[in-house]
Amino acid sequence: MKLVLVTFLLVSLVLSSTFFDVSMASSSFCDSKCKVRCSKAGVKDRCLKYCGICCEKCNCVPSGTYGNKDECPCYRDMKNSKGKSKCP
C-alpha cells in the first residue's frame, strides 16, 4: 500500500513540474512580445498589464508597437466593459 502511495505521489510531482514548465514558457513568450508591443506606450505599466492579460488568453500579440491587430483576431476582438478594445 505504501509503495502505491509513493508511486502516485512521485508521478503527480513529475506531472505537475512538467505543467509548471509549460506555463512558465508561455509567460516568457508573452513578456517578450508585450515588451516590444509596449515599447513606445505612454503608460508602459498599464500597457504591459493588459497586453499580458490578452496574450495569456489569446497566445499571440500583434507585431509592432501599434496596429496590426488583424494578425491576432482574438487579441483584436477582446473588449473591456465599456466596449472598447481591451488589448493595446
C-alpha atoms as a PDB file:
ATOM      1  CA  MET A   1       0.000   0.000   0.000  1.00  0.00           C
ATOM      2  CA  LYS A   2       2.820   2.413   0.855  1.00  0.00           C
ATOM      3  CA  LEU A   3       4.530   1.629  -2.453  1.00  0.00           C
ATOM      4  CA  VAL A   4       1.382   2.571  -4.383  1.00  0.00           C
ATOM      5  CA  LEU A   5       1.079   5.839  -2.460  1.00  0.00           C
ATOM      6  CA  VAL A   6       4.741   6.729  -3.003  1.00  0.00           C
ATOM      7  CA  THR A   7       4.466   5.901  -6.711  1.00  0.00           C
ATOM      8  CA  PHE A   8       1.340   8.035  -7.046  1.00  0.00           C
ATOM      9  CA  LEU A   9       2.996  10.991  -5.303  1.00  0.00           C
ATOM     10  CA  LEU A  10       6.104  10.692  -7.454  1.00  0.00           C
ATOM     11  CA  VAL A  11       4.082  10.586 -10.684  1.00  0.00           C
ATOM     12  CA  SER A  12       2.000  13.556  -9.516  1.00  0.00           C
ATOM     13  CA  LEU A  13       5.136  15.547  -8.759  1.00  0.00           C
ATOM     14  CA  VAL A  14       6.622  14.825 -12.189  1.00  0.00           C
ATOM     15  CA  LEU A  15       3.402  15.761 -13.994  1.00  0.00           C
ATOM     16  CA  SER A  16       2.944  18.975 -12.025  1.00  0.00           C
ATOM     17  CA  SER A  17       6.530  20.075 -12.692  1.00  0.00           C
ATOM     18  CA  THR A  18       6.013  19.458 -16.414  1.00  0.00           C
ATOM     19  CA  PHE A  19       2.855  21.590 -16.364  1.00  0.00           C
ATOM     20  CA  PHE A  20       4.701  24.328 -14.457  1.00  0.00           C
ATOM     21  CA  ASP A  21       7.450  24.468 -17.108  1.00  0.00           C
ATOM     22  CA  VAL A  22       4.887  24.803 -19.902  1.00  0.00           C
ATOM     23  CA  SER A  23       3.037  27.628 -18.148  1.00  0.00           C
ATOM     24  CA  MET A  24       6.285  29.462 -17.454  1.00  0.00           C
ATOM     25  CA  ALA A  25       7.254  29.202 -21.105  1.00  0.00           C
ATOM     26  CA  SER A  26       4.094  30.974 -22.220  1.00  0.00           C
ATOM     27  CA  SER A  27       4.713  33.740 -19.676  1.00  0.00           C
ATOM     28  CA  SER A  28       8.197  34.410 -21.026  1.00  0.00           C
ATOM     29  CA  PHE A  29       6.736  34.414 -24.552  1.00  0.00           C
ATOM     30  CA  CYS A  30       4.125  36.979 -23.533  1.00  0.00           C
ATOM     31  CA  ASP A  31       6.619  39.070 -21.585  1.00  0.00           C
ATOM     32  CA  SER A  32       8.960  39.383 -24.553  1.00  0.00           C
ATOM     33  CA  LYS A  33       6.181  40.091 -27.072  1.00  0.00           C
ATOM     34  CA  CYS A  34       4.482  42.645 -24.804  1.00  0.00           C
ATOM     35  CA  LYS A  35       7.774  44.374 -24.092  1.00  0.00           C
ATOM     36  CA  VAL A  36       8.106  45.069 -27.826  1.00  0.00           C
ATOM     37  CA  ARG A  37       4.402  45.944 -28.219  1.00  0.00           C
ATOM     38  CA  CYS A  38       4.501  48.455 -25.345  1.00  0.00           C
ATOM     39  CA  SER A  39       7.947  49.924 -26.017  1.00  0.00           C
ATOM     40  CA  LYS A  40       6.510  53.273 -27.176  1.00  0.00           C
ATOM     41  CA  ALA A  41       3.477  53.395 -24.866  1.00  0.00           C
ATOM     42  CA  GLY A  42       2.926  56.489 -22.759  1.00  0.00           C
ATOM     43  CA  VAL A  43       1.852  54.433 -19.731  1.00  0.00           C
ATOM     44  CA  LYS A  44       4.070  51.336 -20.002  1.00  0.00           C
ATOM     45  CA  ASP A  45       2.928  49.537 -16.854  1.00  0.00           C
ATOM     46  CA  ARG A  46      -0.740  49.646 -17.886  1.00  0.00           C
ATOM     47  CA  CYS A  47       0.135  48.604 -21.443  1.00  0.00           C
ATOM     48  CA  LEU A  48       2.208  45.665 -20.176  1.00  0.00           C
ATOM     49  CA  LYS A  49      -0.578  44.593 -17.796  1.00  0.00           C
ATOM     50  CA  TYR A  50      -3.321  44.478 -20.417  1.00  0.00           C
ATOM     51  CA  CYS A  51      -1.065  43.124 -23.140  1.00  0.00           C
ATOM     52  CA  GLY A  52      -0.091  40.294 -20.772  1.00  0.00           C
ATOM     53  CA  ILE A  53      -3.734  39.507 -19.986  1.00  0.00           C
ATOM     54  CA  CYS A  54      -4.623  39.433 -23.684  1.00  0.00           C
ATOM     55  CA  CYS A  55      -1.542  37.390 -24.625  1.00  0.00           C
ATOM     56  CA  GLU A  56      -2.249  34.754 -21.963  1.00  0.00           C
ATOM     57  CA  LYS A  57      -5.807  34.325 -23.256  1.00  0.00           C
ATOM     58  CA  CYS A  58      -5.017  34.520 -26.977  1.00  0.00           C
ATOM     59  CA  ASN A  59      -1.466  33.106 -27.136  1.00  0.00           C
ATOM     60  CA  CYS A  60      -0.441  35.826 -29.574  1.00  0.00           C
ATOM     61  CA  VAL A  61       0.475  39.505 -29.740  1.00  0.00           C
ATOM     62  CA  PRO A  62       0.388  41.537 -32.970  1.00  0.00           C
ATOM     63  CA  SER A  63       3.750  42.674 -34.327  1.00  0.00           C
ATOM     64  CA  GLY A  64       4.939  46.231 -33.971  1.00  0.00           C
ATOM     65  CA  THR A  65       4.044  48.886 -31.429  1.00  0.00           C
ATOM     66  CA  TYR A  66       0.637  49.855 -32.855  1.00  0.00           C
ATOM     67  CA  GLY A  67      -1.990  48.419 -35.197  1.00  0.00           C
ATOM     68  CA  ASN A  68      -1.550  45.068 -36.983  1.00  0.00           C
ATOM     69  CA  LYS A  69      -4.354  43.590 -34.847  1.00  0.00           C
ATOM     70  CA  ASP A  70      -5.610  41.581 -37.842  1.00  0.00           C
ATOM     71  CA  GLU A  71      -2.676  39.228 -37.187  1.00  0.00           C
ATOM     72  CA  CYS A  72      -4.416  38.087 -33.999  1.00  0.00           C
ATOM     73  CA  PRO A  73      -8.250  38.128 -34.143  1.00  0.00           C
ATOM     74  CA  CYS A  74      -8.679  37.033 -30.510  1.00  0.00           C
ATOM     75  CA  TYR A  75      -6.441  39.906 -29.351  1.00  0.00           C
ATOM     76  CA  ARG A  76      -8.311  42.320 -31.647  1.00  0.00           C
ATOM     77  CA  ASP A  77     -11.800  41.255 -30.525  1.00  0.00           C
ATOM     78  CA  MET A  78     -11.320  41.391 -26.730  1.00  0.00           C
ATOM     79  CA  LYS A  79     -13.362  44.281 -25.300  1.00  0.00           C
ATOM     80  CA  ASN A  80     -13.494  45.963 -21.905  1.00  0.00           C
ATOM     81  CA  SER A  81     -16.711  46.671 -20.001  1.00  0.00           C
ATOM     82  CA  LYS A  82     -17.171  49.910 -21.961  1.00  0.00           C
ATOM     83  CA  GLY A  83     -16.991  48.118 -25.322  1.00  0.00           C
ATOM     84  CA  LYS A  84     -13.571  49.475 -26.263  1.00  0.00           C
ATOM     85  CA  SER A  85     -10.557  47.393 -27.185  1.00  0.00           C
ATOM     86  CA  LYS A  86      -9.019  45.809 -24.089  1.00  0.00           C
ATOM     87  CA  CYS A  87      -5.718  44.976 -25.721  1.00  0.00           C
ATOM     88  CA  PRO A  88      -3.096  47.610 -26.590  1.00  0.00           C
END
